[in-house]
Every structure is written in C-alpha cells, then in structure tokens.
Amino acid sequence: MKKLLYLLPFITGILMACGNVKKSESAAADSQTVQIGPSFQADSAYAFCAAQCAFGPRVMNSDAHQQCGEWIAQQFQRFGMTVTKQQADLKGYDGTILKSTNIIAAYHPEREERVLLCAHWDSRPWADNDADSSNWKKPVLAANDGASGIAVLLEIARLLQQADSVAVGVDFVCFDAEDWGTPQWSKSGDDSDSWALGARYWANHPHTPGYTARYGILLDMVGGQGAQFYQEGVSLRYAQSVVNMVWSAAQALGYGSYFISDEGGMITDDHVPVNQIANIPTIDIIPYHPDCSQSSFGPTWHTVHDDMEHIDKNTLQAVGQTLIQVLYNEK
C-alpha cells in the first residue's frame, strides 16, 4: 500500500532494525482534558478487525473479497446507516480487470454539512516487502493494512447510533482497489497511478452528485504495534488546518505519544485523489517509522506478518477516541 514519495529533512540518524516494542507511556493516564462524546471501545474495534481477517485475504476478485464486502455493508446497515455500493470495473497495473466496490455508509444523509471518514478494505495480493522472498507472491492478510481502518470506522458508526448527538452528517467511505499497486518484483516499474484506484474512481464519480464535505480523514494502518502518526506531507499541503485540529484533539486527550507533531513523508494514498480531484481537504492518519530499516510503514507492511498478532488495542483506542473527540466538537 502506498508509496513514500520522499522524507522531509528533519529526519536524521542511522536507520536501526525495528521491533514491535510498545511505548511506555499510558495514553489513558496522560489524559489532560474532558472527553467529549462516547468512549471508543477498542475491544469492539479489535473484534471488527478480526472478523474481516476471518474471511482470509480480501484480494480483489476473490470470494473472500466479495463476502467481506457484503459483511461490511451489513454492519453499517445494522448501525442505522444508509448504505450505497458503488461498483466499477477498474484496470490494474497489469491489465487485470478488478471488480471494485466502494462502500459508502451515510449517517444522517439529509444533512447538508458533512464530514468524510474513509479507509480502504481490500488486501494486498502480494507480500512483496517480506524479508523472505519465497513469500513475495503470497497474499497479505491485511489486519493492519486495511482491516484496522475499517474496524475503527465501524466502531464509530456503532457509537453514533447509540449516542446520536453529532451536529453534522458523516459519510463513511470504504475504498476498494487501493492495494493493487505495482509490486516491487514487477519488471514494469512502479506507477503511482496504479494505487488508490477506488478512491480515484469515487473522486471522479461521487456517490452523490456535487458531493462535498467540510473535510475528510483517511485512516490507514491505524492498529499496529508501536505505531506513531507523524503529520503526513500531502495532508499538510492541502489540509493543514485539519491536521492541526486532529493532532490538537489527540494531544489534549493524552495521546501525544501516538500523534507526533513533526512532519513525515508525502504518501501516495487514497487521500490524494480526494484532495486533488474532489477538492475536499483530507488528511491521512498513517504510521511513520523513521527508525525501521525494513519499511518506514513498519515491520509488517506488505508482509505475511500483517496479522492479528500484531494489532494493538491501545493504538486503535488512541485513533478512535481522537476521531470521536473531533466529531463531537463539530457545531
């Protein structure tokens, strides 16, 4: 998933082998302000993540992909959301026709003022960043790189149904066909346009004509052990005020050890077409591991080890509660 376009110059030092050591700080113990809205339930989000993984890798055009898509839509419907399935045949980097379905779930669709929350739900077909080259053409289970973001969205939708007091409408957009980007072993050369196909389609063909939102927040790999979220470069370029709002909310809640007020790299991800085509200021909450030699996205990125054993409820809690704080502050 994603391509790191470049690293910003604040990063110095020698890259070190990375591990999955959790931060010693307790996010809950650091709380410095009054929490607004309901308490995010990390156990519930973890269960939503595990339920997606139970289908197996949700690779495009597979039975697991189709079955999980139906399950995601059913969960949003169960939480009282109005669900739209946006289907399209999209062409992958290798010419494969991908049967894509963007799943859009609307909370109070009648409201004009809206906020966009999004994540992708498909799995990477190839573990092309695995340390073992024999795994490079195996599919990724994608517990973190896909399922974690959808899990947080589902838990927020569940809480909105129970505590119906957010002043704006909310659209949960689950993008498909994000992770069919050119594999590292391909001889065709990387193509940034081979990523985020579902998001690009949605940005050009919104589910509602003329759709707009105050802002958008993309969640990507938001459940990993040892995750820290630096301020991503494309987000700062197009939506710095949204970055400031989200990071301020996280720090006020005591999650400053997760949300780092330094710049990371610019990432090719689903938020790029949302910003550039749909013109909705949208940020990407995505981990950055400056001291990880295997990948700046962390040690499990695009490997066979992206599984439930490497999902941390504390990370889910930090991201989920921060988003709740942001939503319930809307007027």
Protein backbone atom coordinates (compact mmCIF):
# COMPACT_ATOMS: atom_id res chain seq x y z
CA MET A 1 0.00 0.00 0.00
CA LYS A 2 1.24 3.43 -0.53
CA LYS A 3 4.42 4.80 -1.75
CA LEU A 4 6.64 7.10 0.32
CA LEU A 5 7.44 9.91 -2.07
CA TYR A 6 10.22 11.42 0.00
CA LEU A 7 11.38 12.01 3.53
CA LEU A 8 11.41 15.53 4.87
CA PRO A 9 14.76 16.90 6.03
CA PHE A 10 14.13 16.87 9.77
CA ILE A 11 14.89 13.14 9.83
CA THR A 12 18.47 12.35 10.84
CA GLY A 13 20.45 9.47 12.26
CA ILE A 14 21.22 5.92 11.29
CA LEU A 15 18.35 3.57 10.48
CA MET A 16 18.04 0.84 13.05
CA ALA A 17 16.32 -2.55 12.95
CA CYS A 18 12.78 -2.06 14.13
CA GLY A 19 10.73 -4.04 16.55
CA ASN A 20 7.25 -4.01 17.95
CA VAL A 21 8.01 -2.54 21.38
CA LYS A 22 5.05 -0.65 22.75
CA LYS A 23 5.57 2.85 24.06
CA SER A 24 5.92 3.04 27.81
CA GLU A 25 3.56 5.95 28.10
CA SER A 26 0.00 5.11 29.04
CA ALA A 27 -2.36 7.11 26.85
CA ALA A 28 -5.18 6.83 29.35
CA ALA A 29 -3.02 8.05 32.21
CA ASP A 30 -1.96 11.13 30.25
CA SER A 31 -5.50 12.45 29.76
CA GLN A 32 -5.49 16.22 30.17
CA THR A 33 -8.92 17.38 29.10
CA VAL A 34 -12.57 16.47 29.35
CA GLN A 35 -13.51 13.79 26.84
CA ILE A 36 -16.36 14.72 24.54
CA GLY A 37 -18.73 12.08 23.22
CA PRO A 38 -18.90 8.36 23.98
CA SER A 39 -15.94 6.20 24.93
CA PHE A 40 -14.41 4.40 21.99
CA GLN A 41 -14.39 0.64 22.63
CA ALA A 42 -11.09 -0.82 21.46
CA ASP A 43 -12.27 -4.37 22.20
CA SER A 44 -15.14 -3.89 19.78
CA ALA A 45 -12.89 -2.41 17.10
CA TYR A 46 -10.46 -5.29 17.58
CA ALA A 47 -13.33 -7.75 17.05
CA PHE A 48 -14.33 -5.94 13.83
CA CYS A 49 -10.73 -6.24 12.65
CA ALA A 50 -10.61 -9.96 13.46
CA ALA A 51 -13.94 -10.57 11.73
CA GLN A 52 -12.57 -9.16 8.47
CA CYS A 53 -9.44 -11.29 8.75
CA ALA A 54 -11.59 -14.37 9.31
CA PHE A 55 -12.59 -14.17 5.63
CA GLY A 56 -8.91 -14.53 4.72
CA PRO A 57 -7.05 -12.08 2.47
CA ARG A 58 -9.64 -9.80 0.81
CA VAL A 59 -7.83 -9.77 -2.53
CA MET A 60 -9.65 -8.23 -5.48
CA ASN A 61 -11.87 -10.64 -7.48
CA SER A 62 -11.74 -13.31 -4.77
CA ASP A 63 -14.64 -14.93 -2.89
CA ALA A 64 -13.21 -13.62 0.39
CA HIS A 65 -13.27 -10.10 -1.04
CA GLN A 66 -16.91 -10.37 -2.12
CA GLN A 67 -18.04 -11.96 1.15
CA CYS A 68 -16.25 -9.42 3.32
CA GLY A 69 -17.68 -6.55 1.30
CA GLU A 70 -21.18 -7.84 1.95
CA TRP A 71 -20.36 -8.18 5.64
CA ILE A 72 -19.05 -4.61 5.91
CA ALA A 73 -22.17 -3.22 4.24
CA GLN A 74 -24.40 -5.27 6.56
CA GLN A 75 -22.63 -3.96 9.65
CA PHE A 76 -23.17 -0.34 8.63
CA GLN A 77 -26.82 -1.10 7.87
CA ARG A 78 -27.13 -2.74 11.29
CA PHE A 79 -25.95 0.53 12.84
CA GLY A 80 -28.65 2.51 11.05
CA MET A 81 -26.54 3.92 8.23
CA THR A 82 -27.81 4.42 4.69
CA VAL A 83 -25.54 2.24 2.55
CA THR A 84 -24.61 2.70 -1.13
CA LYS A 85 -22.44 0.28 -3.08
CA GLN A 86 -20.53 1.91 -5.90
CA GLN A 87 -19.42 -0.79 -8.30
CA ALA A 88 -16.98 -0.33 -11.15
CA ASP A 89 -14.63 -2.34 -13.35
CA LEU A 90 -11.17 -0.86 -12.88
CA LYS A 91 -7.96 -1.81 -14.65
CA GLY A 92 -4.98 -2.86 -12.53
CA TYR A 93 -1.35 -2.09 -13.31
CA ASP A 94 -1.08 -5.43 -15.17
CA GLY A 95 -4.30 -5.05 -17.14
CA THR A 96 -6.38 -7.18 -14.77
CA ILE A 97 -10.00 -6.03 -14.60
CA LEU A 98 -10.79 -5.50 -10.93
CA LYS A 99 -14.39 -5.88 -9.79
CA SER A 100 -14.36 -2.95 -7.41
CA THR A 101 -16.96 -1.89 -4.84
CA ASN A 102 -16.70 1.32 -2.84
CA ILE A 103 -18.97 1.02 0.18
CA ILE A 104 -20.49 4.31 1.36
CA ALA A 105 -22.43 4.49 4.63
CA ALA A 106 -24.19 7.75 5.48
CA TYR A 107 -25.10 8.96 8.95
CA HIS A 108 -27.99 11.48 8.64
CA PRO A 109 -27.78 11.68 4.83
CA GLU A 110 -30.29 14.55 4.84
CA ARG A 111 -27.85 16.98 6.47
CA GLU A 112 -26.03 19.40 4.20
CA GLU A 113 -23.00 19.88 6.45
CA ARG A 114 -20.93 16.70 6.31
CA VAL A 115 -17.65 15.15 7.39
CA LEU A 116 -15.92 12.38 5.43
CA LEU A 117 -14.23 9.43 7.18
CA CYS A 118 -12.58 6.85 4.97
CA ALA A 119 -10.32 3.80 4.78
CA HIS A 120 -9.64 1.03 2.27
CA TRP A 121 -10.91 -2.52 2.70
CA ASP A 122 -9.09 -4.61 0.08
CA SER A 123 -5.95 -6.66 0.81
CA ARG A 124 -2.57 -6.53 -0.88
CA PRO A 125 -2.32 -9.52 -3.27
CA TRP A 126 1.43 -9.88 -2.80
CA ALA A 127 3.66 -9.78 0.30
CA ASP A 128 6.30 -8.11 -1.84
CA ASN A 129 8.11 -6.43 1.07
CA ASP A 130 8.56 -9.63 3.08
CA ALA A 131 12.09 -10.42 4.25
CA ASP A 132 11.63 -13.92 2.81
CA SER A 133 11.49 -13.74 -0.98
CA SER A 134 9.53 -17.02 -1.10
CA ASN A 135 6.58 -15.04 0.33
CA TRP A 136 6.63 -12.26 -2.25
CA LYS A 137 3.71 -13.62 -4.28
CA LYS A 138 1.61 -14.71 -1.31
CA PRO A 139 -1.41 -12.57 -0.35
CA VAL A 140 -1.35 -10.36 2.74
CA LEU A 141 -3.93 -10.99 5.48
CA ALA A 142 -4.00 -7.22 5.98
CA ALA A 143 -5.05 -6.99 9.62
CA ASN A 144 -3.45 -3.57 9.88
CA ASP A 145 -3.14 -2.52 6.24
CA GLY A 146 -6.83 -2.30 5.57
CA ALA A 147 -8.87 -4.05 8.27
CA SER A 148 -7.83 -1.77 11.14
CA GLY A 149 -9.11 1.37 9.44
CA ILE A 150 -12.44 -0.21 8.57
CA ALA A 151 -12.70 -1.54 12.13
CA VAL A 152 -12.36 1.96 13.57
CA LEU A 153 -14.99 3.28 11.14
CA LEU A 154 -17.41 0.51 12.13
CA GLU A 155 -16.95 1.17 15.82
CA ILE A 156 -17.54 4.90 15.33
CA ALA A 157 -20.71 4.12 13.34
CA ARG A 158 -21.90 1.85 16.16
CA LEU A 159 -21.32 4.59 18.73
CA LEU A 160 -23.04 7.23 16.61
CA GLN A 161 -26.17 5.08 16.56
CA GLN A 162 -26.10 4.84 20.36
CA ALA A 163 -25.18 8.48 21.05
CA ASP A 164 -26.94 10.36 18.26
CA SER A 165 -25.75 13.86 19.08
CA VAL A 166 -23.22 14.81 16.39
CA ALA A 167 -24.28 18.05 14.71
CA VAL A 168 -23.20 17.12 11.18
CA GLY A 169 -23.76 14.28 8.76
CA VAL A 170 -20.97 11.75 8.47
CA ASP A 171 -20.06 9.68 5.43
CA PHE A 172 -18.03 6.53 5.95
CA VAL A 173 -16.40 5.70 2.62
CA CYS A 174 -14.70 2.31 2.37
CA PHE A 175 -12.49 2.50 -0.70
CA ASP A 176 -11.74 -0.59 -2.74
CA ALA A 177 -8.88 -1.42 -5.13
CA GLU A 178 -6.34 0.61 -3.17
CA ASP A 179 -3.67 -2.05 -2.86
CA TRP A 180 -3.24 -3.45 -6.39
CA GLY A 181 -0.30 -1.10 -6.95
CA THR A 182 2.73 -2.29 -8.88
CA PRO A 183 4.60 -4.95 -6.87
CA GLN A 184 8.28 -4.49 -6.14
CA TRP A 185 9.13 -7.64 -8.09
CA SER A 186 7.44 -6.39 -11.26
CA LYS A 187 9.66 -5.52 -14.19
CA SER A 188 7.22 -2.87 -15.39
CA GLY A 189 8.43 -0.20 -12.96
CA ASP A 190 6.39 1.44 -10.24
CA ASP A 191 3.48 3.60 -11.33
CA SER A 192 1.90 5.86 -8.69
CA ASP A 193 -1.34 5.79 -10.70
CA SER A 194 -1.67 2.04 -10.06
CA TRP A 195 -2.59 2.73 -6.43
CA ALA A 196 -5.83 4.09 -4.90
CA LEU A 197 -7.98 3.09 -7.88
CA GLY A 198 -11.25 3.00 -5.94
CA ALA A 199 -10.63 6.41 -4.38
CA ARG A 200 -9.79 7.90 -7.75
CA TYR A 201 -12.99 6.49 -9.22
CA TRP A 202 -15.06 7.86 -6.32
CA ALA A 203 -13.42 11.29 -6.57
CA ASN A 204 -14.38 11.45 -10.26
CA HIS A 205 -17.83 9.89 -9.70
CA PRO A 206 -19.04 10.81 -6.19
CA HIS A 207 -21.91 8.74 -4.85
CA THR A 208 -23.97 11.93 -4.60
CA PRO A 209 -23.73 14.46 -7.47
CA GLY A 210 -21.94 17.57 -6.30
CA TYR A 211 -20.91 15.90 -3.06
CA THR A 212 -18.81 17.95 -0.70
CA ALA A 213 -17.73 17.81 2.93
CA ARG A 214 -16.15 20.17 5.42
CA TYR A 215 -13.11 17.93 5.48
CA GLY A 216 -12.05 14.31 5.24
CA ILE A 217 -9.94 11.99 7.40
CA LEU A 218 -8.36 8.88 5.92
CA LEU A 219 -7.35 6.04 8.25
CA ASP A 220 -4.58 3.74 7.06
CA MET A 221 -2.79 1.15 9.19
CA VAL A 222 -4.19 2.51 12.47
CA GLY A 223 -3.90 -0.61 14.63
CA GLY A 224 -0.25 -1.60 14.52
CA GLN A 225 2.00 -2.25 17.49
CA GLY A 226 4.36 0.62 18.19
CA ALA A 227 2.61 2.91 15.71
CA GLN A 228 3.22 6.63 15.74
CA PHE A 229 1.46 9.05 13.44
CA TYR A 230 3.54 11.89 12.09
CA GLN A 231 1.96 14.71 10.10
CA GLU A 232 1.90 13.50 6.50
CA GLY A 233 3.11 15.85 3.77
CA VAL A 234 0.17 15.80 1.33
CA SER A 235 -2.16 16.36 4.26
CA LEU A 236 -0.17 19.42 5.34
CA ARG A 237 -0.21 20.79 1.81
CA TYR A 238 -3.96 20.52 1.25
CA ALA A 239 -5.48 20.44 4.74
CA GLN A 240 -3.12 21.82 7.36
CA SER A 241 -5.98 23.19 9.45
CA VAL A 242 -7.48 19.69 9.64
CA VAL A 243 -4.11 18.25 10.66
CA ASN A 244 -3.85 20.87 13.39
CA MET A 245 -7.38 20.12 14.62
CA VAL A 246 -6.88 16.35 14.79
CA TRP A 247 -3.41 16.44 16.36
CA SER A 248 -4.59 19.02 18.91
CA ALA A 249 -7.52 16.78 19.87
CA ALA A 250 -5.21 13.79 20.26
CA GLN A 251 -2.74 15.66 22.41
CA ALA A 252 -5.49 17.16 24.57
CA LEU A 253 -6.78 13.64 25.25
CA GLY A 254 -3.30 12.45 26.23
CA TYR A 255 -2.39 10.64 23.01
CA GLY A 256 0.62 12.80 22.21
CA SER A 257 2.87 9.74 22.29
CA TYR A 258 0.93 8.42 19.27
CA PHE A 259 0.30 11.65 17.36
CA ILE A 260 3.70 13.25 16.81
CA SER A 261 3.84 16.96 15.95
CA ASP A 262 6.62 16.51 13.40
CA GLU A 263 6.41 16.10 9.66
CA GLY A 264 6.74 12.74 7.96
CA GLY A 265 6.92 11.98 4.25
CA MET A 266 4.44 12.62 1.46
CA ILE A 267 2.43 9.47 0.77
CA THR A 268 0.61 8.21 -2.31
CA ASP A 269 -2.67 7.09 -0.74
CA ASP A 270 -6.45 7.40 -1.07
CA HIS A 271 -6.45 10.99 0.20
CA VAL A 272 -4.55 12.22 -2.86
CA PRO A 273 -7.45 11.98 -5.37
CA VAL A 274 -9.90 13.15 -2.69
CA ASN A 275 -7.85 16.32 -2.34
CA GLN A 276 -6.84 16.84 -5.95
CA ILE A 277 -9.99 15.72 -7.77
CA ALA A 278 -12.88 16.00 -5.30
CA ASN A 279 -11.37 19.15 -3.74
CA ILE A 280 -12.20 18.03 -0.20
CA PRO A 281 -9.41 18.93 2.25
CA THR A 282 -8.45 15.48 3.52
CA ILE A 283 -5.70 14.21 5.78
CA ASP A 284 -4.08 10.81 6.12
CA ILE A 285 -3.56 9.28 9.57
CA ILE A 286 -0.84 6.79 8.73
CA PRO A 287 2.11 5.46 10.77
CA TYR A 288 5.66 6.52 10.14
CA HIS A 289 8.62 4.52 11.47
CA PRO A 290 11.77 6.58 10.86
CA ASP A 291 13.97 4.02 12.63
CA CYS A 292 12.71 0.92 10.79
CA SER A 293 15.11 -0.43 8.19
CA GLN A 294 12.56 -2.80 6.64
CA SER A 295 9.96 -0.14 5.88
CA SER A 296 9.06 3.34 7.08
CA PHE A 297 5.49 1.99 7.31
CA GLY A 298 6.59 -0.54 9.93
CA PRO A 299 7.91 -4.10 10.04
CA THR A 300 4.73 -5.89 8.94
CA TRP A 301 3.91 -3.69 5.92
CA HIS A 302 3.27 -5.84 2.85
CA THR A 303 4.48 -8.98 4.59
CA VAL A 304 2.83 -12.23 5.66
CA HIS A 305 3.15 -10.97 9.27
CA ASP A 306 0.42 -8.35 8.89
CA ASP A 307 -1.90 -10.40 11.08
CA MET A 308 -3.95 -10.08 14.27
CA GLU A 309 -0.94 -10.92 16.45
CA HIS A 310 0.49 -7.52 15.52
CA ILE A 311 -2.65 -5.48 16.21
CA ASP A 312 -2.59 -3.36 19.37
CA LYS A 313 -5.84 -2.28 21.03
CA ASN A 314 -4.06 0.74 22.51
CA THR A 315 -3.35 2.07 19.03
CA LEU A 316 -6.96 1.53 17.96
CA GLN A 317 -8.09 3.34 21.11
CA ALA A 318 -5.85 6.36 20.51
CA VAL A 319 -7.08 6.82 16.93
CA GLY A 320 -10.72 6.02 17.59
CA GLN A 321 -11.13 8.26 20.64
CA THR A 322 -9.39 11.12 18.84
CA LEU A 323 -11.88 10.88 15.96
CA ILE A 324 -14.79 10.78 18.39
CA GLN A 325 -13.45 13.96 20.00
CA VAL A 326 -13.21 15.66 16.62
CA LEU A 327 -16.71 14.66 15.50
CA TYR A 328 -18.43 15.63 18.73
CA ASN A 329 -16.75 19.05 18.63
CA GLU A 330 -18.46 19.83 15.34
CA LYS A 331 -21.11 22.54 15.53
